[in-house]
C-alpha cells in the first residue's frame, strides 16, 4: 500500500467514528476529512446523509482519499424494524464505496455468528440469525485491497441516547444484572482506533478479513465488573446465568497479531481518553 496521506471517515459522530477521527487527527500523520449528519460537538468536512449516493460519489471523486473508513451501521433492533434502511446501509453501501475508492476499511461485527460455540476464526462460516446479522454479513468487503475488521466494540458516545453497553452502564445505579454465560472478546473503540492508526502507519497492504481481538474472552458479568472498578462506579452487579451466548473471536492472521492488552488495560486507557476530552464526554465525568 502506498503511503496514506488523506483519510475519509464515514459516520464520524458515531460510537466508533468519532474516536477514530480524534485519534487520527491527534496523530498528526494524515489529512482527515469526514462525513456526518449534524454539527454537534464538531463540524464535519461534509454535512449530509449518506443515502445521497450522488453526493457521496462526487466527494469520493473530488477528494480522492487514499483510505475510506466506514463506520456506518444500522444496529440490532433498528435493523430488524427498518428493513430497507438496514439493507442499504449495512449491505449495499460498503460495496458501493469499495467500487469507488482505492482502499476501504470497513467495520463489521461478531454478530455475523450465532454464538452457539465461540472461538470463531476468520475462515468460519457466517451463521448469524436475524436481519442485523444477515445484512452485516452481506456488507463485509474482503476483495481487492479492501479490509473488513470484524470485532465487537464498547466505548463512550457523544449522544445522550446511545445504546452501547458502556453508555448504558454509566447511567446505572443500584443493582444490575451481569450475564455470566454471555461471552465477549471485543475491544474498546479507542483500541479499534489505535489499531486502525497502526494499519495506516505501517504502510503494508492489509486486506481481506481481520478479527480484532486479544484472543481472550470474558463474560459480560466480568466486563461490567471491570467497568465498575476502572470507572469507579459503585453499582452492585448480580450474577445472572440464565442466558448463554458465545460470539468470541480468534485472530488467526500472521501479519497482524492479536491485541496485546488485557480488557482491564483497554478500559483503563479508555478512561484516560475520556478524561482528556471533557468537551466530548461531560456526561461521563463527575
C-alpha atoms as a PDB file:
ATOM      1  CA  UNK A   1       0.000   0.000   0.000  1.00  0.00           C
ATOM      2  CA  UNK A   2       1.259   3.460  -0.907  1.00  0.00           C
ATOM      3  CA  UNK A   3       1.809   5.997   1.850  1.00  0.00           C
ATOM      4  CA  UNK A   4      -1.515   7.132   3.275  1.00  0.00           C
ATOM      5  CA  UNK A   5      -1.978  10.893   3.207  1.00  0.00           C
ATOM      6  CA  UNK A   6      -5.726  11.518   3.133  1.00  0.00           C
ATOM      7  CA  UNK A   7      -8.359   9.561   5.083  1.00  0.00           C
ATOM      8  CA  UNK A   8     -12.136   9.924   4.749  1.00  0.00           C
ATOM      9  CA  UNK A   9     -14.308   8.771   7.669  1.00  0.00           C
ATOM     10  CA  UNK A  10     -17.947   7.900   7.007  1.00  0.00           C
ATOM     11  CA  UNK A  11     -20.066   8.361  10.129  1.00  0.00           C
ATOM     12  CA  UNK A  12     -17.743  10.492  12.249  1.00  0.00           C
ATOM     13  CA  UNK A  13     -20.276  11.153  15.019  1.00  0.00           C
ATOM     14  CA  UNK A  14     -20.967   7.515  15.890  1.00  0.00           C
ATOM     15  CA  UNK A  15     -19.549   5.465  18.748  1.00  0.00           C
ATOM     16  CA  UNK A  16     -16.600   4.241  16.677  1.00  0.00           C
ATOM     17  CA  UNK A  17     -16.324   7.049  14.150  1.00  0.00           C
ATOM     18  CA  UNK A  18     -15.752   9.982  16.491  1.00  0.00           C
ATOM     19  CA  UNK A  19     -12.966   8.177  18.367  1.00  0.00           C
ATOM     20  CA  UNK A  20     -11.260   7.061  15.149  1.00  0.00           C
ATOM     21  CA  UNK A  21     -11.448  10.632  13.842  1.00  0.00           C
ATOM     22  CA  UNK A  22      -9.944  12.049  17.034  1.00  0.00           C
ATOM     23  CA  UNK A  23      -7.100   9.518  17.244  1.00  0.00           C
ATOM     24  CA  UNK A  24      -6.129  10.014  13.598  1.00  0.00           C
ATOM     25  CA  UNK A  25      -6.273  13.810  13.934  1.00  0.00           C
ATOM     26  CA  UNK A  26      -4.149  13.777  17.090  1.00  0.00           C
ATOM     27  CA  UNK A  27      -1.557  11.550  15.410  1.00  0.00           C
ATOM     28  CA  UNK A  28      -0.800  14.397  13.001  1.00  0.00           C
ATOM     29  CA  UNK A  29       0.019  11.873  10.282  1.00  0.00           C
ATOM     30  CA  UNK A  30      -2.895  12.360   7.914  1.00  0.00           C
ATOM     31  CA  UNK A  31      -5.300  14.814   6.397  1.00  0.00           C
ATOM     32  CA  UNK A  32      -8.576  13.652   7.938  1.00  0.00           C
ATOM     33  CA  UNK A  33     -11.892  14.526   6.324  1.00  0.00           C
ATOM     34  CA  UNK A  34     -15.274  13.254   7.410  1.00  0.00           C
ATOM     35  CA  UNK A  35     -18.975  12.984   6.657  1.00  0.00           C
ATOM     36  CA  UNK A  36     -21.702  13.269   9.296  1.00  0.00           C
ATOM     37  CA  UNK A  37     -25.353  14.311   9.567  1.00  0.00           C
ATOM     38  CA  UNK A  38     -25.068  17.024  12.235  1.00  0.00           C
ATOM     39  CA  UNK A  39     -22.718  19.684  13.580  1.00  0.00           C
ATOM     40  CA  UNK A  40     -22.891  18.916  17.316  1.00  0.00           C
ATOM     41  CA  UNK A  41     -19.504  18.750  19.097  1.00  0.00           C
ATOM     42  CA  UNK A  42     -17.582  19.444  15.870  1.00  0.00           C
ATOM     43  CA  UNK A  43     -18.334  20.494  12.308  1.00  0.00           C
ATOM     44  CA  UNK A  44     -17.715  17.704   9.788  1.00  0.00           C
ATOM     45  CA  UNK A  45     -15.990  18.329   6.478  1.00  0.00           C
ATOM     46  CA  UNK A  46     -19.210  17.377   4.689  1.00  0.00           C
ATOM     47  CA  UNK A  47     -22.673  17.608   6.220  1.00  0.00           C
ATOM     48  CA  UNK A  48     -25.225  15.288   4.615  1.00  0.00           C
ATOM     49  CA  UNK A  49     -26.967  11.923   4.875  1.00  0.00           C
ATOM     50  CA  UNK A  50     -25.080   9.101   3.182  1.00  0.00           C
ATOM     51  CA  UNK A  51     -28.266   7.936   1.499  1.00  0.00           C
ATOM     52  CA  UNK A  52     -27.425  10.675  -1.034  1.00  0.00           C
ATOM     53  CA  UNK A  53     -25.250   8.464  -3.217  1.00  0.00           C
ATOM     54  CA  UNK A  54     -24.709  11.080  -5.919  1.00  0.00           C
ATOM     55  CA  UNK A  55     -23.178  13.454  -3.400  1.00  0.00           C
ATOM     56  CA  UNK A  56     -21.082  10.680  -1.875  1.00  0.00           C
ATOM     57  CA  UNK A  57     -19.804   9.609  -5.291  1.00  0.00           C
ATOM     58  CA  UNK A  58     -18.866  13.186  -6.166  1.00  0.00           C
ATOM     59  CA  UNK A  59     -16.910  13.549  -2.906  1.00  0.00           C
ATOM     60  CA  UNK A  60     -15.067  10.279  -3.495  1.00  0.00           C
ATOM     61  CA  UNK A  61     -14.073  11.548  -6.945  1.00  0.00           C
ATOM     62  CA  UNK A  62     -13.128  15.093  -5.963  1.00  0.00           C
ATOM     63  CA  UNK A  63     -11.325  14.295  -2.699  1.00  0.00           C
ATOM     64  CA  UNK A  64      -9.739  11.023  -3.892  1.00  0.00           C
ATOM     65  CA  UNK A  65      -8.896   9.769  -0.372  1.00  0.00           C
ATOM     66  CA  UNK A  66      -6.194   7.146  -0.003  1.00  0.00           C
ATOM     67  CA  UNK A  67      -8.358   5.272   2.508  1.00  0.00           C
ATOM     68  CA  UNK A  68     -12.058   5.400   3.376  1.00  0.00           C
ATOM     69  CA  UNK A  69     -13.086   4.156   6.836  1.00  0.00           C
ATOM     70  CA  UNK A  70     -16.732   3.091   7.002  1.00  0.00           C
ATOM     71  CA  UNK A  71     -18.205   3.417  10.498  1.00  0.00           C
ATOM     72  CA  UNK A  72     -21.842   3.420   9.345  1.00  0.00           C
ATOM     73  CA  UNK A  73     -24.242   0.767  10.594  1.00  0.00           C
ATOM     74  CA  UNK A  74     -27.898   0.232  11.438  1.00  0.00           C
ATOM     75  CA  UNK A  75     -27.735  -1.681  14.712  1.00  0.00           C
ATOM     76  CA  UNK A  76     -29.635  -4.519  16.333  1.00  0.00           C
ATOM     77  CA  UNK A  77     -33.328  -3.737  16.908  1.00  0.00           C
ATOM     78  CA  UNK A  78     -33.218  -0.797  14.479  1.00  0.00           C
ATOM     79  CA  UNK A  79     -32.080  -3.161  11.731  1.00  0.00           C
ATOM     80  CA  UNK A  80     -34.917  -5.570  12.456  1.00  0.00           C
ATOM     81  CA  UNK A  81     -37.562  -2.827  12.271  1.00  0.00           C
ATOM     82  CA  UNK A  82     -36.106  -0.855   9.324  1.00  0.00           C
ATOM     83  CA  UNK A  83     -35.605  -3.470   6.638  1.00  0.00           C
ATOM     84  CA  UNK A  84     -34.925  -1.232   3.631  1.00  0.00           C
ATOM     85  CA  UNK A  85     -32.619   1.096   5.566  1.00  0.00           C
ATOM     86  CA  UNK A  86     -30.575  -1.736   7.057  1.00  0.00           C
ATOM     87  CA  UNK A  87     -30.110  -3.414   3.660  1.00  0.00           C
ATOM     88  CA  UNK A  88     -28.971  -0.097   2.190  1.00  0.00           C
ATOM     89  CA  UNK A  89     -26.527   0.961   4.915  1.00  0.00           C
ATOM     90  CA  UNK A  90     -25.328  -2.413   6.221  1.00  0.00           C
ATOM     91  CA  UNK A  91     -25.153  -4.356   2.950  1.00  0.00           C
ATOM     92  CA  UNK A  92     -25.142  -2.128  -0.133  1.00  0.00           C
ATOM     93  CA  UNK A  93     -23.259   0.998   0.947  1.00  0.00           C
ATOM     94  CA  UNK A  94     -19.920  -0.720   1.780  1.00  0.00           C
ATOM     95  CA  UNK A  95     -19.745  -2.275  -1.700  1.00  0.00           C
ATOM     96  CA  UNK A  96     -20.813   0.994  -3.355  1.00  0.00           C
ATOM     97  CA  UNK A  97     -17.923   2.771  -1.639  1.00  0.00           C
ATOM     98  CA  UNK A  98     -15.451  -0.059  -2.303  1.00  0.00           C
ATOM     99  CA  UNK A  99     -16.121   0.201  -6.035  1.00  0.00           C
ATOM    100  CA  UNK A 100     -15.253   3.904  -5.971  1.00  0.00           C
ATOM    101  CA  UNK A 101     -12.206   4.205  -3.714  1.00  0.00           C
ATOM    102  CA  UNK A 102      -8.615   2.988  -3.568  1.00  0.00           C
ATOM    103  CA  UNK A 103      -8.992   1.242  -0.225  1.00  0.00           C
ATOM    104  CA  UNK A 104     -11.896   0.735   2.162  1.00  0.00           C
ATOM    105  CA  UNK A 105     -11.559  -0.217   5.817  1.00  0.00           C
ATOM    106  CA  UNK A 106     -14.986  -1.479   6.818  1.00  0.00           C
ATOM    107  CA  UNK A 107     -16.059  -2.199  10.408  1.00  0.00           C
ATOM    108  CA  UNK A 108     -18.095  -5.376  10.895  1.00  0.00           C
ATOM    109  CA  UNK A 109     -19.375  -7.285  13.907  1.00  0.00           C
ATOM    110  CA  UNK A 110     -19.163 -10.565  15.801  1.00  0.00           C
ATOM    111  CA  UNK A 111     -22.936 -10.789  15.319  1.00  0.00           C
ATOM    112  CA  UNK A 112     -22.367 -12.424  11.926  1.00  0.00           C
ATOM    113  CA  UNK A 113     -22.052 -15.596  14.049  1.00  0.00           C
ATOM    114  CA  UNK A 114     -24.888 -17.218  16.002  1.00  0.00           C
ATOM    115  CA  UNK A 115     -22.893 -17.524  19.236  1.00  0.00           C
ATOM    116  CA  UNK A 116     -23.545 -21.192  19.915  1.00  0.00           C
ATOM    117  CA  UNK A 117     -19.876 -22.186  20.322  1.00  0.00           C
ATOM    118  CA  UNK A 118     -17.433 -19.220  20.306  1.00  0.00           C
ATOM    119  CA  UNK A 119     -13.817 -19.157  19.198  1.00  0.00           C
ATOM    120  CA  UNK A 120     -14.734 -18.111  15.663  1.00  0.00           C
ATOM    121  CA  UNK A 121     -11.889 -17.576  13.194  1.00  0.00           C
ATOM    122  CA  UNK A 122     -11.758 -15.505  10.013  1.00  0.00           C
ATOM    123  CA  UNK A 123     -12.494 -18.601   7.910  1.00  0.00           C
ATOM    124  CA  UNK A 124     -15.577 -19.779   9.818  1.00  0.00           C
ATOM    125  CA  UNK A 125     -18.978 -19.807   8.130  1.00  0.00           C
ATOM    126  CA  UNK A 126     -21.196 -16.830   8.965  1.00  0.00           C
ATOM    127  CA  UNK A 127     -24.291 -18.356  10.560  1.00  0.00           C
ATOM    128  CA  UNK A 128     -25.782 -15.419  12.453  1.00  0.00           C
ATOM    129  CA  UNK A 129     -29.539 -15.182  12.884  1.00  0.00           C
ATOM    130  CA  UNK A 130     -31.719 -12.145  12.326  1.00  0.00           C
ATOM    131  CA  UNK A 131     -31.725  -9.226   9.951  1.00  0.00           C
ATOM    132  CA  UNK A 132     -28.867  -7.354  11.597  1.00  0.00           C
ATOM    133  CA  UNK A 133     -26.544 -10.370  11.375  1.00  0.00           C
ATOM    134  CA  UNK A 134     -27.502 -11.124   7.789  1.00  0.00           C
ATOM    135  CA  UNK A 135     -27.211  -7.559   6.480  1.00  0.00           C
ATOM    136  CA  UNK A 136     -23.840  -7.067   8.182  1.00  0.00           C
ATOM    137  CA  UNK A 137     -22.610 -10.381   6.762  1.00  0.00           C
ATOM    138  CA  UNK A 138     -23.560  -9.265   3.243  1.00  0.00           C
ATOM    139  CA  UNK A 139     -21.782  -5.948   3.745  1.00  0.00           C
ATOM    140  CA  UNK A 140     -18.355  -7.396   4.500  1.00  0.00           C
ATOM    141  CA  UNK A 141     -15.853  -6.308   1.834  1.00  0.00           C
ATOM    142  CA  UNK A 142     -12.922  -8.704   1.534  1.00  0.00           C
ATOM    143  CA  UNK A 143     -11.903  -8.409  -2.120  1.00  0.00           C
ATOM    144  CA  UNK A 144      -9.123  -6.490  -3.895  1.00  0.00           C
ATOM    145  CA  UNK A 145      -7.179  -4.229  -1.487  1.00  0.00           C
ATOM    146  CA  UNK A 146     -10.094  -3.647   0.881  1.00  0.00           C
ATOM    147  CA  UNK A 147     -10.120  -4.714   4.535  1.00  0.00           C
ATOM    148  CA  UNK A 148     -13.000  -5.677   6.806  1.00  0.00           C
ATOM    149  CA  UNK A 149     -12.274  -5.501  10.534  1.00  0.00           C
ATOM    150  CA  UNK A 150     -14.624  -7.826  12.379  1.00  0.00           C
ATOM    151  CA  UNK A 151     -14.900  -7.106  16.098  1.00  0.00           C
ATOM    152  CA  UNK A 152     -17.243  -6.004  18.882  1.00  0.00           C
ATOM    153  CA  UNK A 153     -16.822  -2.602  20.495  1.00  0.00           C
ATOM    154  CA  UNK A 154     -17.532  -0.841  23.762  1.00  0.00           C
ATOM    155  CA  UNK A 155     -16.909   2.822  24.364  1.00  0.00           C
ATOM    156  CA  UNK A 156     -18.204   6.299  25.138  1.00  0.00           C
ATOM    157  CA  UNK A 157     -20.733   8.061  22.943  1.00  0.00           C
ATOM    158  CA  UNK A 158     -21.351  11.669  22.003  1.00  0.00           C
ATOM    159  CA  UNK A 159     -25.125  11.425  22.137  1.00  0.00           C
ATOM    160  CA  UNK A 160     -27.188  11.159  25.297  1.00  0.00           C
ATOM    161  CA  UNK A 161     -29.404   8.344  23.995  1.00  0.00           C
ATOM    162  CA  UNK A 162     -26.702   5.874  22.950  1.00  0.00           C
ATOM    163  CA  UNK A 163     -27.428   2.144  23.047  1.00  0.00           C
ATOM    164  CA  UNK A 164     -23.936   0.751  23.667  1.00  0.00           C
ATOM    165  CA  UNK A 165     -23.084  -1.314  26.752  1.00  0.00           C
ATOM    166  CA  UNK A 166     -20.616   1.175  28.239  1.00  0.00           C
ATOM    167  CA  UNK A 167     -23.039   4.074  27.818  1.00  0.00           C
ATOM    168  CA  UNK A 168     -25.816   2.005  29.404  1.00  0.00           C
ATOM    169  CA  UNK A 169     -23.580   1.024  32.316  1.00  0.00           C
ATOM    170  CA  UNK A 170     -22.546   4.608  33.046  1.00  0.00           C
ATOM    171  CA  UNK A 171     -26.210   5.511  33.532  1.00  0.00           C
ATOM    172  CA  UNK A 172     -26.934   2.753  36.045  1.00  0.00           C
ATOM    173  CA  UNK A 173     -27.288   2.940  39.814  1.00  0.00           C
ATOM    174  CA  UNK A 174     -28.051   0.359  42.468  1.00  0.00           C
ATOM    175  CA  UNK A 175     -28.284  -3.242  41.249  1.00  0.00           C
ATOM    176  CA  UNK A 176     -27.877  -4.524  37.689  1.00  0.00           C
ATOM    177  CA  UNK A 177     -27.634  -7.966  36.084  1.00  0.00           C
ATOM    178  CA  UNK A 178     -24.336  -9.303  34.781  1.00  0.00           C
ATOM    179  CA  UNK A 179     -24.583 -12.234  32.379  1.00  0.00           C
ATOM    180  CA  UNK A 180     -22.091 -14.898  33.461  1.00  0.00           C
ATOM    181  CA  UNK A 181     -22.634 -17.076  30.374  1.00  0.00           C
ATOM    182  CA  UNK A 182     -22.611 -14.361  27.703  1.00  0.00           C
ATOM    183  CA  UNK A 183     -19.030 -14.281  26.437  1.00  0.00           C
ATOM    184  CA  UNK A 184     -17.270 -11.426  24.638  1.00  0.00           C
ATOM    185  CA  UNK A 185     -13.847 -10.878  23.086  1.00  0.00           C
ATOM    186  CA  UNK A 186     -14.053  -7.390  21.609  1.00  0.00           C
ATOM    187  CA  UNK A 187     -12.148  -4.151  22.076  1.00  0.00           C
ATOM    188  CA  UNK A 188     -12.761  -0.597  23.179  1.00  0.00           C
ATOM    189  CA  UNK A 189     -13.384   1.988  20.481  1.00  0.00           C
ATOM    190  CA  UNK A 190     -10.071   3.549  21.479  1.00  0.00           C
ATOM    191  CA  UNK A 191      -8.252   0.272  20.807  1.00  0.00           C
ATOM    192  CA  UNK A 192     -10.056  -0.030  17.468  1.00  0.00           C
ATOM    193  CA  UNK A 193      -8.855   3.468  16.568  1.00  0.00           C
ATOM    194  CA  UNK A 194      -5.291   2.688  17.681  1.00  0.00           C
ATOM    195  CA  UNK A 195      -5.249  -0.498  15.599  1.00  0.00           C
ATOM    196  CA  UNK A 196      -6.504   1.370  12.528  1.00  0.00           C
ATOM    197  CA  UNK A 197      -3.810   4.003  13.103  1.00  0.00           C
ATOM    198  CA  UNK A 198      -1.231   1.199  13.206  1.00  0.00           C
ATOM    199  CA  UNK A 199      -2.566  -0.336   9.990  1.00  0.00           C
ATOM    200  CA  UNK A 200      -2.434   3.026   8.208  1.00  0.00           C
ATOM    201  CA  UNK A 201       1.017   3.876   9.562  1.00  0.00           C
ATOM    202  CA  UNK A 202       2.741   0.588   8.747  1.00  0.00           C
ATOM    203  CA  UNK A 203       2.131   1.032   5.042  1.00  0.00           C
ATOM    204  CA  UNK A 204       1.540  -2.671   4.478  1.00  0.00           C
ATOM    205  CA  UNK A 205      -1.306  -3.719   2.222  1.00  0.00           C
ATOM    206  CA  UNK A 206      -3.533  -5.328   4.843  1.00  0.00           C
ATOM    207  CA  UNK A 207      -6.566  -6.675   3.027  1.00  0.00           C
ATOM    208  CA  UNK A 208      -9.254  -9.308   3.381  1.00  0.00           C
ATOM    209  CA  UNK A 209     -10.692 -10.020   6.806  1.00  0.00           C
ATOM    210  CA  UNK A 210      -9.201  -9.327  10.243  1.00  0.00           C
ATOM    211  CA  UNK A 211     -10.594 -10.355  13.624  1.00  0.00           C
ATOM    212  CA  UNK A 212      -9.618  -7.579  16.032  1.00  0.00           C
ATOM    213  CA  UNK A 213      -9.370  -9.161  19.480  1.00  0.00           C
ATOM    214  CA  UNK A 214      -6.849 -10.001  22.182  1.00  0.00           C
ATOM    215  CA  UNK A 215      -7.720 -13.691  21.636  1.00  0.00           C
ATOM    216  CA  UNK A 216      -9.226 -13.899  25.107  1.00  0.00           C
ATOM    217  CA  UNK A 217     -12.841 -13.925  26.197  1.00  0.00           C
ATOM    218  CA  UNK A 218     -14.690 -12.777  29.277  1.00  0.00           C
ATOM    219  CA  UNK A 219     -18.295 -12.839  30.389  1.00  0.00           C
ATOM    220  CA  UNK A 220     -20.450  -9.723  30.318  1.00  0.00           C
ATOM    221  CA  UNK A 221     -20.508 -10.002  34.132  1.00  0.00           C
ATOM    222  CA  UNK A 222     -16.712  -9.755  34.183  1.00  0.00           C
ATOM    223  CA  UNK A 223     -16.759  -6.888  31.684  1.00  0.00           C
ATOM    224  CA  UNK A 224     -19.257  -4.905  33.755  1.00  0.00           C
ATOM    225  CA  UNK A 225     -17.121  -5.589  36.824  1.00  0.00           C
ATOM    226  CA  UNK A 226     -14.127  -4.060  35.005  1.00  0.00           C
ATOM    227  CA  UNK A 227     -16.240  -1.023  34.086  1.00  0.00           C
ATOM    228  CA  UNK A 228     -17.250  -0.661  37.733  1.00  0.00           C
ATOM    229  CA  UNK A 229     -13.677  -0.932  39.007  1.00  0.00           C
ATOM    230  CA  UNK A 230     -11.968   1.295  36.443  1.00  0.00           C
ATOM    231  CA  UNK A 231     -14.682   3.937  36.194  1.00  0.00           C
ATOM    232  CA  UNK A 232     -15.225   3.877  39.980  1.00  0.00           C
ATOM    233  CA  UNK A 233     -18.960   3.270  39.704  1.00  0.00           C
ATOM    234  CA  UNK A 234     -20.272   1.610  42.882  1.00  0.00           C
ATOM    235  CA  UNK A 235     -23.053  -0.428  41.312  1.00  0.00           C
ATOM    236  CA  UNK A 236     -23.950  -3.899  42.547  1.00  0.00           C
ATOM    237  CA  UNK A 237     -23.670  -6.458  39.752  1.00  0.00           C
ATOM    238  CA  UNK A 238     -25.782  -9.554  40.313  1.00  0.00           C
ATOM    239  CA  UNK A 239     -24.675 -12.733  38.562  1.00  0.00           C
ATOM    240  CA  UNK A 240     -27.231 -13.976  36.030  1.00  0.00           C
ATOM    241  CA  UNK A 241     -26.715 -17.375  34.375  1.00  0.00           C
ATOM    242  CA  UNK A 242     -29.989 -17.987  32.532  1.00  0.00           C
ATOM    243  CA  UNK A 243     -28.739 -16.912  29.107  1.00  0.00           C
ATOM    244  CA  UNK A 244     -25.886 -18.370  27.036  1.00  0.00           C
ATOM    245  CA  UNK A 245     -24.150 -16.864  24.023  1.00  0.00           C
ATOM    246  CA  UNK A 246     -20.510 -17.019  22.930  1.00  0.00           C
ATOM    247  CA  UNK A 247     -19.571 -14.919  19.908  1.00  0.00           C
ATOM    248  CA  UNK A 248     -15.900 -14.725  20.889  1.00  0.00           C
ATOM    249  CA  UNK A 249     -13.446 -14.270  18.035  1.00  0.00           C
ATOM    250  CA  UNK A 250      -9.924 -15.522  17.366  1.00  0.00           C
ATOM    251  CA  UNK A 251      -7.355 -13.693  15.251  1.00  0.00           C
ATOM    252  CA  UNK A 252      -5.504 -16.262  13.144  1.00  0.00           C
ATOM    253  CA  UNK A 253      -3.666 -13.861  10.817  1.00  0.00           C
ATOM    254  CA  UNK A 254       0.114 -13.950  10.935  1.00  0.00           C
ATOM    255  CA  UNK A 255       0.624 -10.454   9.512  1.00  0.00           C
ATOM    256  CA  UNK A 256      -1.327  -8.544  12.181  1.00  0.00           C
ATOM    257  CA  UNK A 257      -1.102 -10.047  15.674  1.00  0.00           C
ATOM    258  CA  UNK A 258      -3.805 -10.107  18.317  1.00  0.00           C
ATOM    259  CA  UNK A 259      -4.204  -7.046  20.524  1.00  0.00           C
ATOM    260  CA  UNK A 260      -1.563  -7.146  23.264  1.00  0.00           C
ATOM    261  CA  UNK A 261      -3.664  -5.648  26.063  1.00  0.00           C
ATOM    262  CA  UNK A 262      -5.931  -7.095  28.714  1.00  0.00           C
ATOM    263  CA  UNK A 263      -9.561  -5.997  28.881  1.00  0.00           C
ATOM    264  CA  UNK A 264      -8.846  -4.004  32.046  1.00  0.00           C
ATOM    265  CA  UNK A 265      -5.915  -2.223  30.398  1.00  0.00           C
ATOM    266  CA  UNK A 266      -8.075  -1.313  27.403  1.00  0.00           C
ATOM    267  CA  UNK A 267     -10.793   0.122  29.654  1.00  0.00           C
ATOM    268  CA  UNK A 268      -8.176   1.998  31.710  1.00  0.00           C
ATOM    269  CA  UNK A 269      -6.797   3.617  28.549  1.00  0.00           C
ATOM    270  CA  UNK A 270     -10.351   4.469  27.551  1.00  0.00           C
ATOM    271  CA  UNK A 271     -10.949   6.187  30.894  1.00  0.00           C
ATOM    272  CA  UNK A 272      -7.867   8.347  30.329  1.00  0.00           C
ATOM    273  CA  UNK A 273      -9.113   9.211  26.832  1.00  0.00           C
ATOM    274  CA  UNK A 274     -12.485  10.263  28.265  1.00  0.00           C
ATOM    275  CA  UNK A 275     -10.838  12.436  30.908  1.00  0.00           C
ATOM    276  CA  UNK A 276      -8.605  14.065  28.273  1.00  0.00           C
ATOM    277  CA  UNK A 277     -11.623  15.024  26.131  1.00  0.00           C
ATOM    278  CA  UNK A 278     -14.117  16.648  28.535  1.00  0.00           C
ATOM    279  CA  UNK A 279     -15.761  18.624  25.728  1.00  0.00           C
ATOM    280  CA  UNK A 280     -16.954  15.327  24.256  1.00  0.00           C
ATOM    281  CA  UNK A 281     -17.721  13.422  27.429  1.00  0.00           C
ATOM    282  CA  UNK A 282     -19.160  15.737  30.065  1.00  0.00           C
ATOM    283  CA  UNK A 283     -21.955  13.204  30.617  1.00  0.00           C
ATOM    284  CA  UNK A 284     -19.434  10.667  31.957  1.00  0.00           C
ATOM    285  CA  UNK A 285     -17.248  12.964  34.055  1.00  0.00           C
ATOM    286  CA  UNK A 286     -18.301  13.591  37.638  1.00  0.00           C
END
